[in-house]
Amino acid sequence: MQIYEHSDTAFPLFFGFSMSGIYYLVIVVGSV
């Protein structure tokens, strides 16, 4: 569980690609 707290990007990257990488990518890019 340290990975989630360590880096918020790690969660969307692993979970995102598993379900919908494009959806998370848009959020990350929009956030940045």
PDB file of N, CA and C in Angstrom:
ATOM      1  N   MET A   1       0.835  -1.207   0.000  1.00  0.00           N
ATOM      2  CA  MET A   1       0.000   0.000   0.000  1.00  0.00           C
ATOM      3  C   MET A   1       0.870   1.257   0.000  1.00  0.00           C
ATOM      4  N   GLN A   2       2.152   1.070   0.236  1.00  0.00           N
ATOM      5  CA  GLN A   2       3.046   2.236   0.259  1.00  0.00           C
ATOM      6  C   GLN A   2       3.125   2.869  -1.122  1.00  0.00           C
ATOM      7  N   ILE A   3       2.931   2.056  -2.159  1.00  0.00           N
ATOM      8  CA  ILE A   3       3.058   2.572  -3.531  1.00  0.00           C
ATOM      9  C   ILE A   3       2.024   3.685  -3.767  1.00  0.00           C
ATOM     10  N   TYR A   4       0.787   3.462  -3.281  1.00  0.00           N
ATOM     11  CA  TYR A   4      -0.272   4.452  -3.498  1.00  0.00           C
ATOM     12  C   TYR A   4       0.100   5.779  -2.833  1.00  0.00           C
ATOM     13  N   GLU A   5       0.526   5.687  -1.572  1.00  0.00           N
ATOM     14  CA  GLU A   5       0.874   6.913  -0.841  1.00  0.00           C
ATOM     15  C   GLU A   5       2.166   7.522  -1.360  1.00  0.00           C
ATOM     16  N   HIS A   6       3.072   6.638  -1.795  1.00  0.00           N
ATOM     17  CA  HIS A   6       4.375   7.116  -2.260  1.00  0.00           C
ATOM     18  C   HIS A   6       4.220   7.954  -3.526  1.00  0.00           C
ATOM     19  N   SER A   7       3.410   7.445  -4.459  1.00  0.00           N
ATOM     20  CA  SER A   7       3.236   8.182  -5.712  1.00  0.00           C
ATOM     21  C   SER A   7       1.819   7.992  -6.236  1.00  0.00           C
ATOM     22  N   ASP A   8       1.084   9.089  -6.371  1.00  0.00           N
ATOM     23  CA  ASP A   8      -0.297   9.012  -6.871  1.00  0.00           C
ATOM     24  C   ASP A   8      -0.312   8.556  -8.330  1.00  0.00           C
ATOM     25  N   THR A   9       0.813   8.748  -9.017  1.00  0.00           N
ATOM     26  CA  THR A   9       0.870   8.384 -10.436  1.00  0.00           C
ATOM     27  C   THR A   9       0.981   6.871 -10.604  1.00  0.00           C
ATOM     28  N   ALA A  10       1.541   6.205  -9.600  1.00  0.00           N
ATOM     29  CA  ALA A  10       1.725   4.749  -9.693  1.00  0.00           C
ATOM     30  C   ALA A  10       0.367   4.049  -9.743  1.00  0.00           C
ATOM     31  N   PHE A  11      -0.591   4.527  -8.955  1.00  0.00           N
ATOM     32  CA  PHE A  11      -1.917   3.889  -8.911  1.00  0.00           C
ATOM     33  C   PHE A  11      -2.627   3.975 -10.260  1.00  0.00           C
ATOM     34  N   PRO A  12      -2.797   5.168 -10.818  1.00  0.00           N
ATOM     35  CA  PRO A  12      -3.476   5.315 -12.112  1.00  0.00           C
ATOM     36  C   PRO A  12      -2.741   4.591 -13.236  1.00  0.00           C
ATOM     37  N   LEU A  13      -1.420   4.538 -13.142  1.00  0.00           N
ATOM     38  CA  LEU A  13      -0.635   3.878 -14.193  1.00  0.00           C
ATOM     39  C   LEU A  13      -0.914   2.383 -14.210  1.00  0.00           C
ATOM     40  N   PHE A  14      -0.837   1.748 -13.033  1.00  0.00           N
ATOM     41  CA  PHE A  14      -1.063   0.304 -12.955  1.00  0.00           C
ATOM     42  C   PHE A  14      -2.545  -0.012 -13.115  1.00  0.00           C
ATOM     43  N   PHE A  15      -3.382   0.619 -12.316  1.00  0.00           N
ATOM     44  CA  PHE A  15      -4.827   0.354 -12.355  1.00  0.00           C
ATOM     45  C   PHE A  15      -5.440   0.896 -13.636  1.00  0.00           C
ATOM     46  N   GLY A  16      -4.925   2.020 -14.082  1.00  0.00           N
ATOM     47  CA  GLY A  16      -5.454   2.653 -15.302  1.00  0.00           C
ATOM     48  C   GLY A  16      -5.274   1.763 -16.515  1.00  0.00           C
ATOM     49  N   PHE A  17      -4.053   1.288 -16.729  1.00  0.00           N
ATOM     50  CA  PHE A  17      -3.787   0.438 -17.899  1.00  0.00           C
ATOM     51  C   PHE A  17      -4.587  -0.858 -17.801  1.00  0.00           C
ATOM     52  N   SER A  18      -4.840  -1.302 -16.566  1.00  0.00           N
ATOM     53  CA  SER A  18      -5.579  -2.543 -16.370  1.00  0.00           C
ATOM     54  C   SER A  18      -7.036  -2.366 -16.794  1.00  0.00           C
ATOM     55  N   MET A  19      -7.613  -1.209 -16.521  1.00  0.00           N
ATOM     56  CA  MET A  19      -9.023  -0.958 -16.846  1.00  0.00           C
ATOM     57  C   MET A  19      -9.139  -0.015 -18.045  1.00  0.00           C
ATOM     58  N   SER A  20      -8.779   1.258 -17.831  1.00  0.00           N
ATOM     59  CA  SER A  20      -8.867   2.234 -18.923  1.00  0.00           C
ATOM     60  C   SER A  20      -7.715   3.218 -18.827  1.00  0.00           C
ATOM     61  N   GLY A  21      -6.608   2.893 -19.481  1.00  0.00           N
ATOM     62  CA  GLY A  21      -5.427   3.752 -19.427  1.00  0.00           C
ATOM     63  C   GLY A  21      -5.714   5.120 -20.028  1.00  0.00           C
ATOM     64  N   ILE A  22      -6.464   5.136 -21.110  1.00  0.00           N
ATOM     65  CA  ILE A  22      -6.756   6.406 -21.788  1.00  0.00           C
ATOM     66  C   ILE A  22      -7.491   7.348 -20.844  1.00  0.00           C
ATOM     67  N   TYR A  23      -8.474   6.816 -20.118  1.00  0.00           N
ATOM     68  CA  TYR A  23      -9.272   7.654 -19.208  1.00  0.00           C
ATOM     69  C   TYR A  23      -8.382   8.315 -18.153  1.00  0.00           C
ATOM     70  N   TYR A  24      -7.499   7.507 -17.553  1.00  0.00           N
ATOM     71  CA  TYR A  24      -6.603   8.048 -16.525  1.00  0.00           C
ATOM     72  C   TYR A  24      -5.582   9.001 -17.129  1.00  0.00           C
ATOM     73  N   LEU A  25      -5.108   8.668 -18.333  1.00  0.00           N
ATOM     74  CA  LEU A  25      -4.105   9.515 -18.983  1.00  0.00           C
ATOM     75  C   LEU A  25      -4.668  10.916 -19.168  1.00  0.00           C
ATOM     76  N   VAL A  26      -5.928  11.000 -19.582  1.00  0.00           N
ATOM     77  CA  VAL A  26      -6.563  12.308 -19.795  1.00  0.00           C
ATOM     78  C   VAL A  26      -6.608  13.090 -18.494  1.00  0.00           C
ATOM     79  N   ILE A  27      -6.945  12.401 -17.409  1.00  0.00           N
ATOM     80  CA  ILE A  27      -7.033  13.083 -16.105  1.00  0.00           C
ATOM     81  C   ILE A  27      -5.658  13.581 -15.677  1.00  0.00           C
ATOM     82  N   VAL A  28      -4.644  12.728 -15.831  1.00  0.00           N
ATOM     83  CA  VAL A  28      -3.285  13.104 -15.428  1.00  0.00           C
ATOM     84  C   VAL A  28      -2.806  14.299 -16.250  1.00  0.00           C
ATOM     85  N   VAL A  29      -2.998  14.223 -17.550  1.00  0.00           N
ATOM     86  CA  VAL A  29      -2.558  15.319 -18.434  1.00  0.00           C
ATOM     87  C   VAL A  29      -3.329  16.597 -18.099  1.00  0.00           C
ATOM     88  N   GLY A  30      -4.615  16.463 -17.840  1.00  0.00           N
ATOM     89  CA  GLY A  30      -5.437  17.634 -17.515  1.00  0.00           C
ATOM     90  C   GLY A  30      -5.019  18.226 -16.179  1.00  0.00           C
ATOM     91  N   SER A  31      -4.650  17.348 -15.241  1.00  0.00           N
ATOM     92  CA  SER A  31      -4.236  17.816 -13.920  1.00  0.00           C
ATOM     93  C   SER A  31      -2.927  18.585 -14.036  1.00  0.00           C
ATOM     94  N   VAL A  32      -2.015  18.065 -14.838  1.00  0.00           N
ATOM     95  CA  VAL A  32      -0.711  18.715 -14.983  1.00  0.00           C
ATOM     96  C   VAL A  32      -0.904  19.973 -15.818  1.00  0.00           C
TER      97      VAL A  32
END
